[in-house]
Amino acid sequence: MVEANHPESTDGLHPGTTGNQHRTSYRWVVCALLFFATTINYIDRQVLGLLAPLLQKEIGWNEIEYGYIATAFTGAYAFGLLIMGRFMDKIGTRIGLTFSVAVWSVAAMGHALARTVLGFGIARFSLGLAESGNFPAAIKATAEWFPKKERALATGLFNSGANIGAVIVPIVVPWIVLTWGWQEAFIFTGLLGFIWLVFWLWFYEIPERHKKISQAELAFIRSDPIETVSEKVPWFSLLKYRATWAFVVGKFLTDPIWWFYLYWLPKFLNERYNLDLAHLGPPLIVIYTMSSIGSISGGWLSGAFINRGWSINKGRKTVMLICALLIVPIVFASVVPEWWAVLLIGVATAAHQGWSANLFTTVSDMFPRRAVGSVVGLGGMAGSVGGMLIATAAGFILQFTGSYVSLFIMAGAAYVIALFIIHLLVPRIERIELDIK
């Protein structure tokens, strides 16, 4: 089924409903599906970061080689986002996300076969390419199922799956590794995607085709101004809009910080505070639990401001400014005692997720639904290119200096700089009328 060609009902009613005016809440079931997909997405990508200290001894890689392994994932993720956003816009979220999850689950299990740096590089490249479909599909599904007033909250909720996945990994993976071995950790976590696919194919469809929502809920979902339908949005045509570049710059400057946490946080705790696999769990659980709270709170807060009468521009940017300022103290993380470092990193990761929920939502605030996947793909590609740069740079910095100070300084400054540039490019967040010929 190709969603892009499905006509919307002109009277705002679901063609399969029977006239029931009671508003259902099925859109939150969709949000839950996206939440679990994102959770599994991050479980599969997080396993290597947690096992890095163990695998570094067993496989024998150095910091530079580990940086290259991380770069293989982010490079593939960048390329994937370049095409996946467009792919989701053309083929639709139901089939598109099904394909993405199936392929990345196979790639995740494929890590168990790796025995060399090259082998892990190939496995990470395959995983990154397939996992790139998750966020374009999720943002597109959110734009299809939620009105603007609820999108930031919905985005924050499904995006919090990234943090839940990061919490689950240090709880479950050490037990699997100590019981069976590191190969089984990749196999068992990779199987989760296939379990999720059963529920996705069973429960998901676009609102106009779904039999579980009422006329009232469909009317609420479509309560924003009606968009002019177009056959397609040429990819390069999006580059002429300052709003596209604002999102691209925001992702390029701040996504690499999250990639840094993902790959180097367990190694930082291991090297700085001598925490082995059996003791990494509690600090990582605290950090990523805080991140999950930040993701939901950031999305909720901007929605609350907007419901109080604030403009979308003021609501989104105020929350992004709060998040940017909360991240600044992380510059001290490498020079303080263990649990102070955990607190600083936890606040920073929570603020990152609040920032990310609002940055993602600005795309659906400014662009029509038919272009959302493509714009998210462009921004995600830029963020992954930044992730490639920081992965390689971190490998060289740590190999030759052994110090995390400069990396945490970059993390503390990135968001303030990004928000300043975003505001210069888009002084006011508002709907864009695409001039597509």
Protein backbone atom coordinates (compact mmCIF):
# COMPACT_ATOMS: atom_id res chain seq x y z
CA MET A 1 0.00 0.00 0.00
CA VAL A 2 1.36 3.42 -0.89
CA GLU A 3 0.04 6.01 1.53
CA ALA A 4 1.05 9.05 -0.48
CA ASN A 5 -1.59 8.36 -3.10
CA HIS A 6 -4.48 7.75 -0.70
CA PRO A 7 -7.01 10.56 -0.84
CA GLU A 8 -8.21 12.06 2.41
CA SER A 9 -11.95 12.11 3.10
CA THR A 10 -13.29 15.49 2.13
CA ASP A 11 -15.80 15.59 4.99
CA GLY A 12 -13.22 14.74 7.64
CA LEU A 13 -14.92 11.42 8.45
CA HIS A 14 -13.34 8.02 8.49
CA PRO A 15 -14.84 6.08 5.59
CA GLY A 16 -15.16 2.93 7.69
CA THR A 17 -16.88 4.44 10.74
CA THR A 18 -20.53 4.09 11.66
CA GLY A 19 -21.27 7.55 12.97
CA ASN A 20 -20.01 7.13 16.53
CA GLN A 21 -19.04 10.57 17.80
CA HIS A 22 -17.21 9.31 20.92
CA ARG A 23 -13.56 10.24 20.57
CA THR A 24 -11.29 7.20 20.72
CA SER A 25 -7.63 7.49 21.67
CA TYR A 26 -6.10 5.03 19.23
CA ARG A 27 -3.40 7.51 18.28
CA TRP A 28 -1.68 6.71 21.59
CA VAL A 29 -1.54 3.04 20.60
CA VAL A 30 0.39 4.18 17.53
CA CYS A 31 2.64 6.26 19.77
CA ALA A 32 3.28 3.15 21.90
CA LEU A 33 4.25 1.14 18.81
CA LEU A 34 6.72 3.87 17.81
CA PHE A 35 8.05 3.96 21.38
CA PHE A 36 8.83 0.24 21.37
CA ALA A 37 10.39 0.43 17.90
CA THR A 38 12.69 3.21 19.11
CA THR A 39 13.47 1.23 22.28
CA ILE A 40 14.57 -1.78 20.23
CA ASN A 41 16.44 0.49 17.84
CA TYR A 42 18.56 1.78 20.70
CA ILE A 43 18.98 -1.58 22.38
CA ASP A 44 20.52 -2.94 19.19
CA ARG A 45 22.87 0.00 18.69
CA GLN A 46 23.80 0.32 22.40
CA VAL A 47 25.04 -3.22 22.97
CA LEU A 48 28.42 -2.61 21.33
CA GLY A 49 29.07 0.52 23.40
CA LEU A 50 28.47 -1.37 26.66
CA LEU A 51 30.66 -4.29 25.57
CA ALA A 52 33.41 -2.07 24.15
CA PRO A 53 35.80 -2.40 27.15
CA LEU A 54 35.41 -6.20 27.08
CA LEU A 55 35.68 -6.52 23.30
CA GLN A 56 38.64 -4.13 23.18
CA LYS A 57 40.58 -6.67 25.24
CA GLU A 58 39.25 -9.72 23.40
CA ILE A 59 39.47 -8.41 19.82
CA GLY A 60 42.47 -6.15 20.46
CA TRP A 61 41.41 -2.85 18.86
CA ASN A 62 42.83 0.53 19.95
CA GLU A 63 40.96 3.84 20.36
CA ILE A 64 41.48 4.87 16.75
CA GLU A 65 40.20 1.53 15.42
CA TYR A 66 37.19 1.75 17.74
CA GLY A 67 36.57 5.23 16.37
CA TYR A 68 36.55 3.77 12.87
CA ILE A 69 34.01 1.11 13.93
CA ALA A 70 31.79 3.87 15.32
CA THR A 71 32.29 5.86 12.13
CA ALA A 72 31.15 2.88 10.04
CA PHE A 73 27.79 2.95 11.81
CA THR A 74 27.31 6.71 11.66
CA GLY A 75 28.47 6.88 8.04
CA ALA A 76 25.95 4.25 7.00
CA TYR A 77 23.30 5.95 9.14
CA ALA A 78 24.02 9.26 7.40
CA PHE A 79 23.71 7.74 3.94
CA GLY A 80 20.62 5.81 5.00
CA LEU A 81 18.87 8.92 6.27
CA LEU A 82 19.58 10.63 2.96
CA ILE A 83 17.43 8.03 1.22
CA MET A 84 15.19 6.72 4.02
CA GLY A 85 13.27 9.96 4.52
CA ARG A 86 12.40 10.00 0.85
CA PHE A 87 11.70 6.25 0.94
CA MET A 88 9.21 6.67 3.80
CA ASP A 89 7.47 9.56 2.04
CA LYS A 90 7.03 7.40 -1.07
CA ILE A 91 6.23 3.95 0.28
CA GLY A 92 4.51 4.92 3.54
CA THR A 93 5.23 4.25 7.19
CA ARG A 94 3.63 0.81 7.50
CA ILE A 95 5.68 -1.00 4.86
CA GLY A 96 8.71 1.26 5.18
CA LEU A 97 9.24 0.70 8.90
CA THR A 98 8.55 -3.02 8.51
CA PHE A 99 11.41 -3.27 6.01
CA SER A 100 13.74 -1.20 8.19
CA VAL A 101 13.17 -3.18 11.41
CA ALA A 102 13.49 -6.56 9.70
CA VAL A 103 16.84 -5.69 8.12
CA TRP A 104 18.35 -4.03 11.19
CA SER A 105 17.38 -7.03 13.36
CA VAL A 106 19.30 -9.36 11.06
CA ALA A 107 22.28 -6.96 11.11
CA ALA A 108 22.19 -6.77 14.93
CA MET A 109 22.40 -10.55 15.21
CA GLY A 110 25.18 -10.54 12.62
CA HIS A 111 27.54 -8.93 15.18
CA ALA A 112 27.83 -12.35 16.80
CA LEU A 113 29.78 -13.54 13.74
CA ALA A 114 32.40 -10.76 13.92
CA ARG A 115 35.91 -11.57 15.15
CA THR A 116 37.98 -8.69 13.73
CA VAL A 117 37.86 -4.91 13.52
CA LEU A 118 36.78 -5.24 9.88
CA GLY A 119 34.06 -7.71 10.84
CA PHE A 120 32.61 -5.35 13.43
CA GLY A 121 32.90 -2.48 10.97
CA ILE A 122 30.82 -4.40 8.40
CA ALA A 123 28.22 -5.35 11.03
CA ARG A 124 27.96 -1.76 12.27
CA PHE A 125 27.65 -0.42 8.72
CA SER A 126 24.78 -2.81 7.99
CA LEU A 127 23.05 -1.94 11.26
CA GLY A 128 23.40 1.80 10.71
CA LEU A 129 22.04 1.65 7.17
CA ALA A 130 18.89 -0.21 8.25
CA GLU A 131 18.32 1.64 11.54
CA SER A 132 18.22 4.96 9.69
CA GLY A 133 14.61 4.28 8.74
CA ASN A 134 13.26 4.47 12.29
CA PHE A 135 13.13 8.21 12.94
CA PRO A 136 11.92 9.39 9.50
CA ALA A 137 9.13 6.81 9.76
CA ALA A 138 8.29 7.71 13.35
CA ILE A 139 8.18 11.46 12.72
CA LYS A 140 6.05 10.89 9.63
CA ALA A 141 3.67 8.62 11.55
CA THR A 142 3.41 11.24 14.29
CA ALA A 143 2.51 13.91 11.73
CA GLU A 144 -0.13 11.56 10.30
CA TRP A 145 -1.68 10.61 13.64
CA PHE A 146 -1.38 13.74 15.83
CA PRO A 147 -2.45 17.38 15.50
CA LYS A 148 0.24 20.00 16.08
CA LYS A 149 -0.77 20.65 19.68
CA GLU A 150 0.11 17.04 20.63
CA ARG A 151 3.05 16.33 18.34
CA ALA A 152 5.83 17.47 20.66
CA LEU A 153 4.46 15.31 23.49
CA ALA A 154 4.01 12.32 21.16
CA THR A 155 7.52 12.83 19.79
CA GLY A 156 8.92 13.10 23.30
CA LEU A 157 7.13 9.90 24.32
CA PHE A 158 8.32 7.76 21.42
CA ASN A 159 11.77 9.37 21.51
CA SER A 160 12.05 8.38 25.20
CA GLY A 161 12.29 4.82 23.90
CA ALA A 162 15.90 5.63 23.06
CA ASN A 163 16.59 6.13 26.75
CA ILE A 164 14.56 3.14 27.87
CA GLY A 165 16.55 1.03 25.45
CA ALA A 166 19.74 2.45 26.89
CA VAL A 167 18.50 1.59 30.41
CA ILE A 168 17.55 -1.97 29.46
CA VAL A 169 20.95 -2.74 27.95
CA PRO A 170 23.06 -2.34 31.15
CA ILE A 171 20.43 -4.31 33.09
CA VAL A 172 20.07 -7.28 30.74
CA VAL A 173 23.20 -7.51 28.60
CA PRO A 174 25.77 -8.04 31.41
CA TRP A 175 23.65 -10.95 32.70
CA ILE A 176 23.47 -12.48 29.21
CA VAL A 177 27.21 -12.05 28.68
CA LEU A 178 28.17 -13.48 32.08
CA THR A 179 25.74 -16.39 31.62
CA TRP A 180 26.31 -17.33 27.97
CA GLY A 181 28.78 -14.98 26.26
CA TRP A 182 28.97 -11.77 24.27
CA GLN A 183 27.80 -13.37 21.02
CA GLU A 184 24.48 -14.35 22.61
CA ALA A 185 23.96 -10.75 23.73
CA PHE A 186 23.78 -9.67 20.09
CA ILE A 187 21.57 -12.61 19.07
CA PHE A 188 18.98 -12.23 21.84
CA THR A 189 18.64 -8.47 21.47
CA GLY A 190 18.43 -8.76 17.69
CA LEU A 191 15.43 -11.09 17.97
CA LEU A 192 13.34 -8.38 19.66
CA GLY A 193 12.71 -6.60 16.36
CA PHE A 194 10.94 -9.62 14.88
CA ILE A 195 8.64 -9.84 17.90
CA TRP A 196 7.76 -6.15 17.49
CA LEU A 197 6.96 -6.63 13.79
CA VAL A 198 4.04 -8.92 14.65
CA PHE A 199 2.34 -6.15 16.64
CA TRP A 200 3.19 -3.43 14.11
CA LEU A 201 1.65 -5.27 11.18
CA TRP A 202 -1.35 -6.19 13.28
CA PHE A 203 -2.16 -2.76 14.76
CA TYR A 204 -0.83 -0.09 12.38
CA GLU A 205 -2.51 1.67 9.44
CA ILE A 206 -2.94 5.33 8.48
CA PRO A 207 -5.93 7.03 10.19
CA GLU A 208 -8.18 7.25 7.12
CA ARG A 209 -7.96 3.47 6.63
CA HIS A 210 -8.04 2.39 10.25
CA LYS A 211 -11.13 0.65 11.62
CA LYS A 212 -10.33 1.28 15.29
CA ILE A 213 -10.71 5.07 15.41
CA SER A 214 -13.90 7.08 15.62
CA GLN A 215 -15.03 9.95 13.46
CA ALA A 216 -14.39 12.26 16.40
CA GLU A 217 -10.78 11.15 16.79
CA LEU A 218 -10.12 11.44 13.06
CA ALA A 219 -11.60 14.93 13.08
CA PHE A 220 -9.34 15.83 16.02
CA ILE A 221 -6.27 14.41 14.25
CA ARG A 222 -7.13 16.45 11.16
CA SER A 223 -8.07 19.60 13.10
CA ASP A 224 -5.10 21.56 11.75
CA PRO A 225 -5.63 23.60 8.53
CA ILE A 226 -6.05 21.39 5.46
CA GLU A 227 -2.91 21.04 3.36
CA THR A 228 -2.80 21.33 -0.39
CA VAL A 229 -2.03 17.89 -1.79
CA SER A 230 0.87 17.50 -4.20
CA GLU A 231 2.08 14.44 -6.05
CA LYS A 232 5.61 14.70 -4.67
CA VAL A 233 8.18 17.11 -3.28
CA PRO A 234 11.47 17.13 -5.22
CA TRP A 235 14.26 16.46 -2.74
CA PHE A 236 16.63 19.24 -3.83
CA SER A 237 13.82 21.78 -3.78
CA LEU A 238 13.75 21.57 0.03
CA LEU A 239 17.28 22.97 0.21
CA LYS A 240 16.15 26.44 -0.81
CA TYR A 241 14.25 26.92 2.44
CA ARG A 242 15.96 28.43 5.48
CA ALA A 243 13.80 26.22 7.69
CA THR A 244 15.42 23.13 6.15
CA TRP A 245 18.87 24.48 6.90
CA ALA A 246 17.87 25.41 10.45
CA PHE A 247 16.93 21.79 11.14
CA VAL A 248 20.01 20.49 9.32
CA VAL A 249 22.37 22.75 11.31
CA GLY A 250 20.65 21.88 14.58
CA LYS A 251 21.11 18.17 13.95
CA PHE A 252 24.67 18.53 12.64
CA LEU A 253 25.83 20.32 15.79
CA THR A 254 23.95 18.39 18.48
CA ASP A 255 23.44 14.81 17.25
CA PRO A 256 27.21 14.10 17.45
CA ILE A 257 27.05 14.71 21.19
CA TRP A 258 24.52 11.92 21.58
CA TRP A 259 26.68 9.65 19.39
CA PHE A 260 29.59 10.44 21.70
CA TYR A 261 27.56 9.36 24.76
CA LEU A 262 26.39 6.24 22.97
CA TYR A 263 29.85 4.95 22.08
CA TRP A 264 32.15 6.40 24.71
CA LEU A 265 30.17 6.78 27.93
CA PRO A 266 30.75 3.17 29.10
CA LYS A 267 34.42 3.49 28.13
CA PHE A 268 34.69 6.81 30.00
CA LEU A 269 33.23 5.28 33.17
CA ASN A 270 35.48 2.25 32.79
CA GLU A 271 38.68 4.21 32.25
CA ARG A 272 38.03 7.15 34.60
CA TYR A 273 36.40 5.28 37.52
CA ASN A 274 37.53 1.66 36.88
CA LEU A 275 33.97 0.33 36.46
CA ASP A 276 33.88 -3.11 34.84
CA LEU A 277 30.96 -4.77 33.02
CA ALA A 278 29.41 -5.98 36.27
CA HIS A 279 29.44 -2.44 37.77
CA LEU A 280 28.62 -0.21 34.81
CA GLY A 281 24.90 -0.84 35.19
CA PRO A 282 23.86 1.53 38.03
CA PRO A 283 25.47 4.72 36.63
CA LEU A 284 24.17 4.04 33.10
CA ILE A 285 20.69 3.23 34.41
CA VAL A 286 20.58 6.52 36.32
CA ILE A 287 21.83 8.51 33.33
CA TYR A 288 19.41 7.06 30.80
CA THR A 289 16.47 7.10 33.19
CA MET A 290 17.07 10.84 33.56
CA SER A 291 17.24 11.04 29.76
CA SER A 292 13.84 9.42 29.42
CA ILE A 293 12.32 11.89 31.86
CA GLY A 294 13.91 14.74 29.91
CA SER A 295 12.49 13.52 26.60
CA ILE A 296 8.93 13.37 27.89
CA SER A 297 9.22 16.57 29.94
CA GLY A 298 10.69 18.55 27.06
CA GLY A 299 7.87 17.56 24.73
CA TRP A 300 5.22 18.15 27.39
CA LEU A 301 6.58 21.56 28.43
CA SER A 302 6.45 23.16 24.99
CA GLY A 303 2.94 21.77 24.50
CA ALA A 304 1.92 23.22 27.86
CA PHE A 305 3.29 26.64 26.88
CA ILE A 306 1.42 26.52 23.56
CA ASN A 307 -1.83 25.48 25.29
CA ARG A 308 -1.45 28.54 27.55
CA GLY A 309 -1.56 30.76 24.49
CA TRP A 310 2.13 31.01 23.60
CA SER A 311 3.02 30.91 19.93
CA ILE A 312 4.62 27.74 18.57
CA ASN A 313 7.79 29.76 17.97
CA LYS A 314 8.01 30.97 21.57
CA GLY A 315 7.03 27.64 23.10
CA ARG A 316 9.52 25.52 21.14
CA LYS A 317 12.46 27.93 21.38
CA THR A 318 11.99 28.63 25.09
CA VAL A 319 12.22 24.94 25.90
CA MET A 320 15.20 24.52 23.57
CA LEU A 321 16.97 27.40 25.34
CA ILE A 322 16.31 25.86 28.77
CA CYS A 323 17.71 22.56 27.54
CA ALA A 324 20.78 24.19 26.00
CA LEU A 325 21.62 25.98 29.25
CA LEU A 326 21.17 22.83 31.35
CA ILE A 327 23.79 21.06 29.23
CA VAL A 328 26.57 23.62 29.73
CA PRO A 329 27.81 22.28 33.14
CA ILE A 330 28.82 18.98 31.53
CA VAL A 331 32.15 20.66 30.72
CA PHE A 332 33.19 19.65 34.28
CA ALA A 333 32.17 15.99 33.98
CA SER A 334 35.68 14.59 33.51
CA VAL A 335 37.19 16.31 36.57
CA VAL A 336 34.64 15.55 39.31
CA PRO A 337 34.00 12.44 41.46
CA GLU A 338 32.07 9.54 39.96
CA TRP A 339 28.50 10.31 41.04
CA TRP A 340 28.87 14.04 40.37
CA ALA A 341 29.89 13.07 36.86
CA VAL A 342 26.88 10.77 36.59
CA LEU A 343 24.61 13.65 37.70
CA LEU A 344 26.11 16.13 35.23
CA ILE A 345 25.92 13.66 32.36
CA GLY A 346 22.40 12.62 33.34
CA VAL A 347 21.16 16.22 33.30
CA ALA A 348 22.89 16.79 29.95
CA THR A 349 21.42 13.68 28.34
CA ALA A 350 17.95 14.54 29.70
CA ALA A 351 18.26 18.04 28.27
CA HIS A 352 19.48 16.63 24.96
CA GLN A 353 16.36 14.52 24.66
CA GLY A 354 14.11 17.45 25.53
CA TRP A 355 15.95 19.49 22.92
CA SER A 356 15.67 16.69 20.36
CA ALA A 357 11.91 16.23 20.88
CA ASN A 358 11.32 19.91 20.16
CA LEU A 359 13.80 20.12 17.29
CA PHE A 360 12.12 17.15 15.59
CA THR A 361 8.71 18.71 16.07
CA THR A 362 9.72 21.96 14.38
CA VAL A 363 9.79 20.03 11.08
CA SER A 364 6.09 19.15 11.25
CA ASP A 365 5.41 22.68 12.57
CA MET A 366 6.89 24.22 9.44
CA PHE A 367 6.51 21.68 6.62
CA PRO A 368 3.46 19.87 5.18
CA ARG A 369 3.16 16.17 5.97
CA ARG A 370 4.24 15.11 2.48
CA ALA A 371 7.67 16.69 3.04
CA VAL A 372 8.25 15.79 6.71
CA GLY A 373 10.04 12.48 6.08
CA SER A 374 12.40 14.04 3.54
CA VAL A 375 13.33 16.98 5.79
CA VAL A 376 13.87 14.69 8.79
CA GLY A 377 16.06 12.50 6.59
CA LEU A 378 18.18 15.48 5.54
CA GLY A 379 18.64 16.59 9.12
CA GLY A 380 19.35 13.10 10.33
CA MET A 381 21.95 12.68 7.61
CA ALA A 382 23.63 15.91 8.75
CA GLY A 383 23.57 14.72 12.36
CA SER A 384 25.16 11.43 11.36
CA VAL A 385 27.87 13.19 9.35
CA GLY A 386 28.62 15.14 12.49
CA GLY A 387 28.63 11.83 14.35
CA MET A 388 31.19 10.46 11.91
CA LEU A 389 33.42 13.43 12.54
CA ILE A 390 33.23 13.20 16.32
CA ALA A 391 33.71 9.41 16.29
CA THR A 392 36.93 9.67 14.33
CA ALA A 393 38.09 12.76 16.24
CA ALA A 394 37.36 11.16 19.62
CA GLY A 395 39.39 8.11 18.66
CA PHE A 396 42.44 10.21 17.83
CA ILE A 397 42.00 12.58 20.80
CA LEU A 398 41.76 9.72 23.29
CA GLN A 399 44.52 7.68 21.67
CA PHE A 400 47.02 10.53 21.88
CA THR A 401 45.88 12.48 24.99
CA GLY A 402 43.87 10.01 27.05
CA SER A 403 41.70 12.94 28.21
CA TYR A 404 37.96 13.53 27.82
CA VAL A 405 38.12 17.22 28.80
CA SER A 406 37.99 18.68 25.27
CA LEU A 407 35.17 16.31 24.28
CA PHE A 408 32.99 17.41 27.19
CA ILE A 409 33.72 21.07 26.42
CA MET A 410 32.41 20.51 22.89
CA ALA A 411 29.32 18.83 24.36
CA GLY A 412 28.63 21.78 26.65
CA ALA A 413 28.89 24.44 23.94
CA ALA A 414 27.15 22.75 20.99
CA TYR A 415 23.51 23.42 21.90
CA VAL A 416 23.81 27.12 22.67
CA ILE A 417 25.61 27.65 19.36
CA ALA A 418 23.03 25.56 17.51
CA LEU A 419 20.06 27.49 18.94
CA PHE A 420 21.68 30.80 18.05
CA ILE A 421 22.11 29.71 14.42
CA ILE A 422 18.60 28.23 14.25
CA HIS A 423 17.13 31.52 15.46
CA LEU A 424 19.13 33.45 12.88
CA LEU A 425 17.88 31.21 10.09
CA VAL A 426 14.28 31.01 11.33
CA PRO A 427 13.39 33.99 13.54
CA ARG A 428 9.80 32.73 13.64
CA ILE A 429 8.62 29.12 13.39
CA GLU A 430 5.58 29.10 11.15
CA ARG A 431 4.00 27.09 8.34
CA ILE A 432 5.79 27.19 4.99
CA GLU A 433 3.91 27.13 1.73
CA LEU A 434 6.09 25.04 -0.55
CA ASP A 435 6.76 26.61 -3.92
CA ILE A 436 7.30 23.38 -5.83
CA LYS A 437 7.16 23.42 -9.62
